[in-house]
């Protein structure tokens, strides 16, 4: 275990701070633990091997730069033999890319060839061990690391389940020591980056374990295989501590035949998969959850003039969201539940798109980040005069809107004194032009663009609701 000293230091404003560094640019942070999450069969191990091999060779990973080659140690706790086969498949599929980059395989005295900076440990190291003694297997591994002088920049552990035997991952008092032992292993190797492969719950929507897991790791990346095409994997981001979650994209896998020693049936080759090399993934359509989050932000920014309490915001969401049919009872239900609303709100707050008021229930919210930022609270679609100070006393302090000394006390909805919206001829608005001519002011153009975005969002939401077809009942013949 590395020895740390408690030595607080001042922050100098005239000294440039350390930038946020990336192991895979914009995808995997350089420092800390990044979790690769997915259900069994989601190809998360293939993606982890791809990322590990790319970092070991310096090849681009998922269309992003990884920097110079780094030493990588891969602990295949789940299936050591399978990992060996899959790494060889990756090398075979990337031989041309490696040759083009001038990267040669290293050859030992026995003529065996391998990637120059990748080592595989085909067994588990159990991280579970309660204080004060900790994990005996980690202590033994650290002793071997020190005796052999092993060093690595990146540590991959596949999977958390197989590396924490006997632990209850739903209990913070058992999960946190496991992550602490993982950090001890990283410190012994000198590794800054860790890829930790983990499983979802049975439903496949969230990670298995306590919320302490999400609070500890640096990033959470989810892998889902497409049901209609098992060689296409959708990659999405739930959280990155030091940045915005990247847009979902797809990676493709291809079949690779690997020669093996003859098995008992005489077969001397085996087929497996590897990530297709050299293709930068195209950004995909946002997931349903991302569209829902975007729609919720839009409702606050547009419908509620970017100023509303949580209760007002929820009521408006229920009003504008298409209703859903309960599959069990057949009853029509609100398109968004209160639970979903507040879960989404927590994500929006964490992303910095709204600032949490002093009073989360009675205080008012305004969008201050993301695609819907820039609309002044209390104004009409972001342009026109802002309401007087006495009507905006409880609005969010954004773009010069006044706030009372008591802060967000009663959450009164902001009233706008903005002039009437222009009609087709531009009349009824100071933003219009001469009669009969199309208005050309930036404000009107912004309104049109916003209205188009709203209609598209509304159409997407309505399209997601399936209306049952009427059943035709035939009259019996007499």
Protein backbone atom coordinates (compact mmCIF):
# COMPACT_ATOMS: atom_id res chain seq x y z
CA UNK A 1 0.00 0.00 0.00
CA UNK A 2 1.38 3.41 -0.99
CA UNK A 3 2.23 5.78 1.83
CA UNK A 4 0.44 9.11 1.61
CA UNK A 5 1.17 12.28 3.55
CA UNK A 6 -1.42 14.85 4.51
CA UNK A 7 0.05 18.04 3.09
CA UNK A 8 -2.57 20.61 1.95
CA UNK A 9 -1.33 23.22 -0.51
CA UNK A 10 -2.63 26.65 -1.61
CA UNK A 11 -4.17 27.14 -5.06
CA UNK A 12 -2.31 29.79 -7.07
CA UNK A 13 -4.49 31.59 -9.59
CA UNK A 14 -1.46 32.67 -11.63
CA UNK A 15 -0.17 29.08 -11.99
CA UNK A 16 -1.74 26.94 -14.72
CA UNK A 17 -3.72 24.03 -13.22
CA UNK A 18 -3.24 20.43 -14.26
CA UNK A 19 -5.58 19.59 -17.18
CA UNK A 20 -8.02 16.70 -17.24
CA UNK A 21 -6.15 13.82 -18.89
CA UNK A 22 -7.64 10.96 -20.89
CA UNK A 23 -6.50 7.38 -21.43
CA UNK A 24 -8.92 7.24 -24.39
CA UNK A 25 -9.69 10.80 -25.43
CA UNK A 26 -13.14 11.85 -24.24
CA UNK A 27 -14.03 8.28 -23.28
CA UNK A 28 -11.82 6.85 -20.51
CA UNK A 29 -10.26 9.15 -17.89
CA UNK A 30 -6.50 8.83 -17.30
CA UNK A 31 -6.85 8.63 -13.54
CA UNK A 32 -9.00 6.35 -11.40
CA UNK A 33 -11.44 3.50 -12.07
CA UNK A 34 -13.62 3.38 -15.18
CA UNK A 35 -16.37 0.76 -15.13
CA UNK A 36 -17.30 -1.12 -18.32
CA UNK A 37 -20.85 -2.27 -17.58
CA UNK A 38 -23.16 -4.70 -19.32
CA UNK A 39 -25.31 -7.79 -19.13
CA UNK A 40 -23.80 -11.21 -19.84
CA UNK A 41 -23.46 -11.44 -23.62
CA UNK A 42 -23.12 -7.68 -24.14
CA UNK A 43 -19.54 -8.13 -25.46
CA UNK A 44 -18.10 -5.89 -22.74
CA UNK A 45 -15.05 -8.16 -22.44
CA UNK A 46 -14.34 -7.83 -26.18
CA UNK A 47 -14.57 -4.05 -25.80
CA UNK A 48 -12.27 -4.12 -22.76
CA UNK A 49 -9.70 -6.21 -24.63
CA UNK A 50 -9.93 -3.78 -27.55
CA UNK A 51 -9.34 -0.78 -25.26
CA UNK A 52 -6.49 -2.57 -23.43
CA UNK A 53 -4.73 -3.58 -26.66
CA UNK A 54 -5.17 -0.11 -28.17
CA UNK A 55 -3.62 1.51 -25.10
CA UNK A 56 -0.77 -1.03 -25.18
CA UNK A 57 -0.01 -0.27 -28.85
CA UNK A 58 -1.05 3.39 -29.22
CA UNK A 59 -3.66 2.62 -31.90
CA UNK A 60 -6.84 4.70 -31.92
CA UNK A 61 -9.65 3.25 -29.82
CA UNK A 62 -13.25 3.71 -31.04
CA UNK A 63 -12.09 6.54 -33.27
CA UNK A 64 -10.35 8.40 -30.42
CA UNK A 65 -6.66 9.00 -29.67
CA UNK A 66 -5.01 7.09 -26.81
CA UNK A 67 -1.55 8.68 -26.77
CA UNK A 68 1.76 6.78 -26.65
CA UNK A 69 1.78 3.02 -25.90
CA UNK A 70 1.46 2.11 -22.21
CA UNK A 71 2.13 -0.99 -20.15
CA UNK A 72 -1.11 -2.87 -19.53
CA UNK A 73 -1.81 -5.80 -17.18
CA UNK A 74 -5.07 -7.68 -17.81
CA UNK A 75 -6.46 -9.79 -14.96
CA UNK A 76 -8.87 -12.24 -16.61
CA UNK A 77 -10.72 -13.39 -13.49
CA UNK A 78 -13.77 -14.49 -15.49
CA UNK A 79 -12.29 -16.75 -18.19
CA UNK A 80 -8.53 -16.78 -18.54
CA UNK A 81 -8.38 -19.18 -21.51
CA UNK A 82 -11.08 -17.26 -23.33
CA UNK A 83 -9.20 -14.00 -22.82
CA UNK A 84 -6.04 -15.55 -24.30
CA UNK A 85 -7.97 -16.61 -27.42
CA UNK A 86 -9.64 -13.21 -27.77
CA UNK A 87 -6.39 -11.27 -27.45
CA UNK A 88 -4.81 -13.40 -30.18
CA UNK A 89 -7.91 -12.74 -32.33
CA UNK A 90 -7.45 -9.01 -31.75
CA UNK A 91 -3.81 -9.20 -32.87
CA UNK A 92 -4.75 -11.17 -36.01
CA UNK A 93 -7.48 -8.67 -36.96
CA UNK A 94 -5.16 -5.70 -36.33
CA UNK A 95 -1.98 -6.96 -38.04
CA UNK A 96 -2.34 -4.50 -40.93
CA UNK A 97 -3.07 -1.58 -38.58
CA UNK A 98 -0.07 -2.48 -36.41
CA UNK A 99 2.18 -2.72 -39.48
CA UNK A 100 0.95 0.65 -40.78
CA UNK A 101 1.74 2.22 -37.39
CA UNK A 102 5.22 0.68 -37.35
CA UNK A 103 4.44 -1.52 -34.31
CA UNK A 104 6.15 -4.89 -34.30
CA UNK A 105 5.37 -7.90 -32.15
CA UNK A 106 8.16 -8.87 -29.75
CA UNK A 107 9.70 -12.33 -30.06
CA UNK A 108 11.24 -14.22 -27.15
CA UNK A 109 14.05 -16.80 -27.18
CA UNK A 110 11.58 -19.58 -27.99
CA UNK A 111 10.19 -17.71 -31.01
CA UNK A 112 6.87 -16.80 -29.37
CA UNK A 113 5.42 -13.46 -30.48
CA UNK A 114 3.29 -11.08 -28.41
CA UNK A 115 2.25 -7.45 -28.05
CA UNK A 116 5.19 -5.54 -26.52
CA UNK A 117 3.38 -3.91 -23.57
CA UNK A 118 0.52 -6.27 -22.69
CA UNK A 119 0.61 -8.94 -19.97
CA UNK A 120 -2.23 -11.36 -19.10
CA UNK A 121 -2.92 -12.95 -15.71
CA UNK A 122 -5.48 -15.71 -16.44
CA UNK A 123 -6.85 -16.07 -12.90
CA UNK A 124 -8.66 -14.07 -10.24
CA UNK A 125 -7.21 -11.97 -7.44
CA UNK A 126 -9.89 -11.85 -4.75
CA UNK A 127 -10.19 -8.23 -3.60
CA UNK A 128 -12.56 -9.13 -0.77
CA UNK A 129 -11.16 -8.95 2.74
CA UNK A 130 -12.55 -6.96 5.62
CA UNK A 131 -10.42 -4.52 7.67
CA UNK A 132 -8.07 -4.47 9.41
CA UNK A 133 -6.34 -7.33 7.57
CA UNK A 134 -7.74 -6.75 4.10
CA UNK A 135 -7.44 -9.23 1.26
CA UNK A 136 -4.82 -11.94 1.69
CA UNK A 137 -4.71 -12.46 -2.09
CA UNK A 138 -4.03 -8.76 -2.72
CA UNK A 139 -1.25 -8.82 -0.11
CA UNK A 140 0.29 -11.85 -1.83
CA UNK A 141 -0.05 -10.23 -5.26
CA UNK A 142 1.63 -7.02 -4.02
CA UNK A 143 4.50 -9.12 -2.60
CA UNK A 144 4.95 -10.77 -6.04
CA UNK A 145 4.77 -7.37 -7.77
CA UNK A 146 7.51 -5.98 -5.54
CA UNK A 147 9.68 -9.11 -5.84
CA UNK A 148 9.46 -9.16 -9.67
CA UNK A 149 9.58 -5.39 -10.09
CA UNK A 150 6.36 -5.37 -12.10
CA UNK A 151 5.07 -2.00 -13.29
CA UNK A 152 2.03 -1.02 -15.34
CA UNK A 153 0.26 2.15 -16.44
CA UNK A 154 -3.13 0.47 -16.92
CA UNK A 155 -4.76 -2.32 -14.90
CA UNK A 156 -7.76 -4.21 -16.29
CA UNK A 157 -9.89 -6.38 -13.98
CA UNK A 158 -12.51 -8.64 -15.62
CA UNK A 159 -14.88 -8.94 -13.71
CA UNK A 160 -15.74 -7.41 -10.34
CA UNK A 161 -18.01 -10.37 -9.49
CA UNK A 162 -15.21 -12.87 -9.99
CA UNK A 163 -12.75 -10.66 -8.10
CA UNK A 164 -14.89 -10.24 -4.97
CA UNK A 165 -15.92 -13.75 -3.95
CA UNK A 166 -17.82 -13.83 -0.67
CA UNK A 167 -18.65 -10.11 -0.70
CA UNK A 168 -22.08 -8.49 -0.66
CA UNK A 169 -21.70 -5.75 -3.25
CA UNK A 170 -25.00 -4.17 -2.16
CA UNK A 171 -23.43 -3.18 1.18
CA UNK A 172 -21.20 -0.07 1.17
CA UNK A 173 -19.19 -1.42 4.12
CA UNK A 174 -18.15 -4.39 1.96
CA UNK A 175 -17.91 -2.74 -1.46
CA UNK A 176 -15.76 0.23 -0.44
CA UNK A 177 -12.95 -1.93 1.06
CA UNK A 178 -12.93 -3.92 -2.21
CA UNK A 179 -12.40 -0.76 -4.23
CA UNK A 180 -9.77 0.27 -1.68
CA UNK A 181 -7.88 -3.01 -2.25
CA UNK A 182 -8.13 -2.44 -6.00
CA UNK A 183 -6.53 0.97 -5.48
CA UNK A 184 -3.77 -0.69 -3.39
CA UNK A 185 -3.09 -3.04 -6.31
CA UNK A 186 -2.95 -0.08 -8.69
CA UNK A 187 -0.57 1.78 -6.37
CA UNK A 188 1.76 -1.23 -6.16
CA UNK A 189 1.94 -1.39 -9.97
CA UNK A 190 2.11 2.38 -10.39
CA UNK A 191 -1.06 2.24 -12.53
CA UNK A 192 -3.05 5.44 -13.00
CA UNK A 193 -5.87 3.93 -15.08
CA UNK A 194 -8.12 0.99 -14.22
CA UNK A 195 -10.75 -0.66 -16.42
CA UNK A 196 -13.13 -2.59 -14.18
CA UNK A 197 -15.64 -4.86 -15.92
CA UNK A 198 -18.92 -5.26 -14.05
CA UNK A 199 -22.43 -6.67 -14.56
CA UNK A 200 -25.81 -5.03 -14.54
CA UNK A 201 -28.76 -6.14 -12.45
CA UNK A 202 -31.05 -8.87 -13.79
CA UNK A 203 -33.20 -6.23 -15.51
CA UNK A 204 -30.08 -4.99 -17.30
CA UNK A 205 -30.66 -1.28 -16.70
CA UNK A 206 -28.41 -0.43 -13.72
CA UNK A 207 -25.16 -1.64 -12.17
CA UNK A 208 -25.31 -4.29 -9.47
CA UNK A 209 -24.39 -2.87 -6.09
CA UNK A 210 -24.72 0.11 -3.81
CA UNK A 211 -24.76 3.78 -4.79
CA UNK A 212 -21.30 4.01 -3.19
CA UNK A 213 -19.98 2.31 -6.34
CA UNK A 214 -21.16 5.09 -8.65
CA UNK A 215 -19.89 7.72 -6.19
CA UNK A 216 -16.39 6.20 -6.19
CA UNK A 217 -15.60 5.47 -9.84
CA UNK A 218 -14.53 8.07 -12.40
CA UNK A 219 -16.71 6.94 -15.30
CA UNK A 220 -19.47 4.43 -16.07
CA UNK A 221 -19.73 3.18 -19.66
CA UNK A 222 -22.51 0.79 -20.74
CA UNK A 223 -22.35 -1.83 -23.52
CA UNK A 224 -25.46 -3.32 -25.13
CA UNK A 225 -25.55 -5.82 -28.00
CA UNK A 226 -28.15 -5.12 -30.67
CA UNK A 227 -30.78 -7.89 -30.59
CA UNK A 228 -31.14 -7.93 -34.37
CA UNK A 229 -27.36 -7.99 -35.02
CA UNK A 230 -25.08 -9.60 -32.45
CA UNK A 231 -21.96 -8.10 -34.09
CA UNK A 232 -23.02 -4.51 -33.33
CA UNK A 233 -22.59 -3.08 -29.82
CA UNK A 234 -24.04 0.23 -28.63
CA UNK A 235 -21.74 2.15 -26.29
CA UNK A 236 -23.23 4.84 -24.04
CA UNK A 237 -22.04 6.84 -21.06
CA UNK A 238 -23.91 7.15 -17.78
CA UNK A 239 -21.38 9.33 -16.00
CA UNK A 240 -17.95 10.92 -16.32
CA UNK A 241 -16.83 12.78 -13.22
CA UNK A 242 -14.66 15.36 -14.99
CA UNK A 243 -16.68 15.98 -18.12
CA UNK A 244 -19.93 15.62 -20.06
CA UNK A 245 -21.23 12.20 -20.97
CA UNK A 246 -20.41 11.41 -24.60
CA UNK A 247 -23.13 10.69 -27.16
CA UNK A 248 -23.93 7.00 -27.76
CA UNK A 249 -22.12 5.32 -30.63
CA UNK A 250 -21.68 1.85 -32.09
CA UNK A 251 -18.70 -0.47 -32.48
CA UNK A 252 -18.66 -3.47 -34.81
CA UNK A 253 -17.25 -6.93 -34.22
CA UNK A 254 -16.05 -9.42 -36.79
CA UNK A 255 -15.46 -13.17 -36.73
CA UNK A 256 -11.81 -14.26 -36.49
CA UNK A 257 -10.46 -17.79 -36.82
CA UNK A 258 -7.61 -18.61 -34.43
CA UNK A 259 -5.37 -21.67 -34.79
CA UNK A 260 -5.12 -23.75 -31.61
CA UNK A 261 -3.59 -26.96 -30.41
CA UNK A 262 -5.71 -29.94 -31.55
CA UNK A 263 -8.54 -30.72 -29.14
CA UNK A 264 -9.67 -34.26 -28.31
CA UNK A 265 -11.82 -34.27 -31.45
CA UNK A 266 -8.90 -33.27 -33.67
CA UNK A 267 -10.01 -29.69 -34.34
CA UNK A 268 -7.08 -27.27 -34.58
CA UNK A 269 -8.83 -23.93 -34.89
CA UNK A 270 -11.53 -21.96 -33.16
CA UNK A 271 -13.71 -19.03 -34.16
CA UNK A 272 -14.18 -15.99 -31.94
CA UNK A 273 -14.83 -12.24 -32.30
CA UNK A 274 -12.74 -9.08 -32.28
CA UNK A 275 -13.59 -5.39 -32.63
CA UNK A 276 -13.21 -4.22 -36.22
CA UNK A 277 -10.05 -2.08 -36.47
CA UNK A 278 -9.56 1.38 -37.90
CA UNK A 279 -13.18 2.53 -38.13
CA UNK A 280 -14.23 5.66 -36.30
CA UNK A 281 -17.72 5.07 -34.90
CA UNK A 282 -20.45 7.39 -36.07
CA UNK A 283 -22.59 9.05 -33.44
CA UNK A 284 -25.93 7.32 -33.13
CA UNK A 285 -29.37 8.67 -32.40
CA UNK A 286 -29.60 9.54 -28.68
CA UNK A 287 -31.05 6.84 -26.45
CA UNK A 288 -34.64 7.05 -25.24
CA UNK A 289 -33.39 8.19 -21.85
CA UNK A 290 -31.31 11.00 -23.41
CA UNK A 291 -34.30 12.10 -25.48
CA UNK A 292 -36.44 12.09 -22.33
CA UNK A 293 -33.87 14.21 -20.44
CA UNK A 294 -33.65 16.64 -23.37
CA UNK A 295 -37.45 16.87 -23.54
CA UNK A 296 -37.66 17.58 -19.79
CA UNK A 297 -35.13 20.42 -20.11
CA UNK A 298 -36.98 21.80 -23.13
CA UNK A 299 -40.29 21.88 -21.22
CA UNK A 300 -38.73 24.04 -18.50
CA UNK A 301 -36.96 26.32 -20.99
CA UNK A 302 -39.83 26.77 -23.45
CA UNK A 303 -43.17 25.87 -21.85
CA UNK A 304 -42.34 27.38 -18.45
CA UNK A 305 -40.19 30.28 -19.71
CA UNK A 306 -37.16 28.86 -17.94
CA UNK A 307 -38.44 29.55 -14.45
CA UNK A 308 -40.53 27.12 -12.39
CA UNK A 309 -40.62 25.17 -9.15
CA UNK A 310 -40.19 21.40 -9.18
CA UNK A 311 -43.94 20.96 -8.67
CA UNK A 312 -44.79 23.28 -11.59
CA UNK A 313 -42.24 21.54 -13.79
CA UNK A 314 -43.59 18.09 -12.92
CA UNK A 315 -47.19 19.19 -13.56
CA UNK A 316 -46.24 20.54 -16.98
CA UNK A 317 -44.36 17.32 -17.85
CA UNK A 318 -47.46 15.27 -16.99
CA UNK A 319 -49.54 17.64 -19.11
CA UNK A 320 -47.40 17.55 -22.27
CA UNK A 321 -46.11 13.95 -22.19
CA UNK A 322 -48.25 11.45 -24.15
CA UNK A 323 -50.09 9.11 -21.79
CA UNK A 324 -49.08 5.44 -21.58
CA UNK A 325 -51.22 2.35 -21.27
CA UNK A 326 -50.68 0.08 -18.28
CA UNK A 327 -49.97 -3.38 -19.75
CA UNK A 328 -51.54 -5.14 -16.78
CA UNK A 329 -54.70 -3.13 -16.11
CA UNK A 330 -55.17 -1.43 -19.48
CA UNK A 331 -55.51 1.89 -17.64
CA UNK A 332 -54.08 5.02 -19.26
CA UNK A 333 -51.31 6.41 -17.05
CA UNK A 334 -49.36 9.72 -17.10
CA UNK A 335 -46.49 9.73 -19.57
CA UNK A 336 -44.01 10.47 -16.78
CA UNK A 337 -44.20 9.39 -13.16
CA UNK A 338 -43.10 11.54 -10.25
CA UNK A 339 -40.29 9.07 -9.53
CA UNK A 340 -38.95 9.29 -13.10
CA UNK A 341 -39.16 13.08 -13.04
CA UNK A 342 -37.02 13.40 -9.92
CA UNK A 343 -34.55 10.78 -11.16
CA UNK A 344 -34.14 12.77 -14.36
CA UNK A 345 -33.85 15.99 -12.37
CA UNK A 346 -30.97 14.50 -10.36
CA UNK A 347 -29.13 13.70 -13.62
CA UNK A 348 -29.81 17.18 -15.04
CA UNK A 349 -28.46 18.78 -11.83
CA UNK A 350 -25.36 16.54 -11.85
CA UNK A 351 -24.62 17.51 -15.46
CA UNK A 352 -24.73 21.17 -14.46
CA UNK A 353 -27.64 22.02 -16.75
CA UNK A 354 -29.57 23.45 -13.79
CA UNK A 355 -28.41 24.68 -10.41
CA UNK A 356 -30.08 23.14 -7.37
CA UNK A 357 -31.93 25.89 -5.48
CA UNK A 358 -31.52 26.41 -1.74
CA UNK A 359 -35.00 24.95 -1.34
CA UNK A 360 -35.23 22.11 -3.90
CA UNK A 361 -39.02 21.81 -3.47
CA UNK A 362 -40.14 25.42 -3.24
CA UNK A 363 -37.27 27.11 -5.08
CA UNK A 364 -37.26 27.83 -8.79
CA UNK A 365 -35.20 26.11 -11.45
CA UNK A 366 -33.72 27.52 -14.68
CA UNK A 367 -31.70 25.86 -17.41
CA UNK A 368 -28.14 27.23 -17.33
CA UNK A 369 -26.26 24.62 -19.36
CA UNK A 370 -26.71 22.23 -22.26
CA UNK A 371 -28.55 22.76 -25.55
CA UNK A 372 -31.46 24.69 -23.97
CA UNK A 373 -29.27 27.20 -22.10
CA UNK A 374 -29.40 30.88 -22.94
CA UNK A 375 -33.12 31.54 -22.44
CA UNK A 376 -33.61 34.27 -19.87
CA UNK A 377 -35.95 33.26 -17.04
CA UNK A 378 -39.31 34.99 -17.43
CA UNK A 379 -38.71 36.02 -21.04
CA UNK A 380 -40.57 34.80 -24.11
CA UNK A 381 -38.40 32.20 -25.83
CA UNK A 382 -35.23 33.93 -24.74
CA UNK A 383 -35.83 37.39 -26.25
CA UNK A 384 -37.85 40.46 -25.42
CA UNK A 385 -37.79 42.49 -22.20
CA UNK A 386 -37.27 40.62 -18.95
CA UNK A 387 -39.96 40.93 -16.28
CA UNK A 388 -39.60 43.71 -13.69
CA UNK A 389 -37.60 42.94 -10.55
CA UNK A 390 -40.70 42.60 -8.37
CA UNK A 391 -42.04 39.74 -10.53
CA UNK A 392 -38.70 37.96 -10.81
CA UNK A 393 -37.68 38.04 -7.16
CA UNK A 394 -37.77 34.25 -6.98
CA UNK A 395 -36.27 33.44 -10.36
CA UNK A 396 -32.91 31.77 -10.70
CA UNK A 397 -30.03 34.29 -10.69
CA UNK A 398 -29.14 33.95 -14.36
CA UNK A 399 -28.32 36.59 -16.96
CA UNK A 400 -29.07 39.53 -14.74
CA UNK A 401 -32.42 38.41 -13.31
CA UNK A 402 -32.88 39.90 -9.85
CA UNK A 403 -33.10 37.71 -6.75
CA UNK A 404 -34.54 38.73 -3.40
CA UNK A 405 -32.48 38.58 -0.24
CA UNK A 406 -34.49 35.61 0.97
CA UNK A 407 -33.44 33.57 -2.08
CA UNK A 408 -35.77 30.95 -3.50
CA UNK A 409 -38.39 31.27 -0.79
CA UNK A 410 -41.87 30.82 -2.15
CA UNK A 411 -41.27 29.78 -5.76
CA UNK A 412 -43.81 32.17 -7.35
CA UNK A 413 -43.85 31.57 -11.10
CA UNK A 414 -42.18 34.36 -13.05
CA UNK A 415 -44.45 36.68 -15.03
CA UNK A 416 -43.17 38.14 -18.27
CA UNK A 417 -43.83 41.59 -19.62
CA UNK A 418 -42.44 40.61 -23.00
CA UNK A 419 -44.39 42.00 -25.95
CA UNK A 420 -46.75 39.82 -27.93
CA UNK A 421 -45.27 37.26 -30.27
CA UNK A 422 -45.21 38.31 -33.92
CA UNK A 423 -47.77 36.94 -36.33
CA UNK A 424 -47.06 35.91 -39.91
CA UNK A 425 -46.91 39.53 -41.04
CA UNK A 426 -44.76 40.61 -38.13
CA UNK A 427 -47.56 42.79 -36.73
CA UNK A 428 -48.27 43.00 -33.03
CA UNK A 429 -44.56 42.95 -32.23
CA UNK A 430 -41.77 45.48 -32.11
CA UNK A 431 -39.60 42.73 -33.65
CA UNK A 432 -41.56 42.81 -36.93
CA UNK A 433 -40.78 44.65 -40.13
CA UNK A 434 -42.95 46.55 -42.55
CA UNK A 435 -46.44 45.23 -43.22
CA UNK A 436 -46.51 42.36 -45.68
CA UNK A 437 -42.82 41.54 -45.29
CA UNK A 438 -41.29 38.60 -43.48
CA UNK A 439 -39.68 39.58 -40.16
CA UNK A 440 -35.92 39.13 -40.26
CA UNK A 441 -34.83 39.96 -36.70
CA UNK A 442 -32.59 37.44 -34.92
CA UNK A 443 -35.22 37.07 -32.19
CA UNK A 444 -37.94 35.92 -34.59
CA UNK A 445 -35.53 33.54 -36.32
CA UNK A 446 -34.58 32.09 -32.94
CA UNK A 447 -38.29 31.62 -32.16
CA UNK A 448 -38.85 29.76 -35.40
CA UNK A 449 -35.89 27.45 -34.79
CA UNK A 450 -37.09 26.80 -31.24
CA UNK A 451 -40.60 26.02 -32.47
CA UNK A 452 -39.17 23.55 -35.01
CA UNK A 453 -37.13 21.83 -32.30
CA UNK A 454 -40.21 21.62 -30.09
CA UNK A 455 -42.32 20.08 -32.88
CA UNK A 456 -39.62 17.48 -33.57
CA UNK A 457 -39.36 16.61 -29.87
CA UNK A 458 -43.14 16.38 -29.61
CA UNK A 459 -43.31 14.15 -32.68
CA UNK A 460 -40.64 11.83 -31.26
CA UNK A 461 -42.55 11.56 -28.00
CA UNK A 462 -45.88 10.85 -29.73
CA UNK A 463 -44.27 8.29 -32.03
CA UNK A 464 -43.02 6.35 -29.04
CA UNK A 465 -46.60 5.63 -27.86
CA UNK A 466 -48.15 2.59 -29.49
CA UNK A 467 -51.91 2.90 -29.97
CA UNK A 468 -53.63 -0.50 -29.94
CA UNK A 469 -55.53 -1.34 -33.11
CA UNK A 470 -59.29 -1.78 -32.71
CA UNK A 471 -60.44 -5.39 -32.76
CA UNK A 472 -63.09 -6.16 -35.35
CA UNK A 473 -65.90 -8.32 -33.97
CA UNK A 474 -67.82 -10.35 -36.51
CA UNK A 475 -71.52 -11.02 -35.95
CA UNK A 476 -72.43 -14.70 -35.86
CA UNK A 477 -74.39 -15.93 -38.85
CA UNK A 478 -77.95 -17.02 -38.04
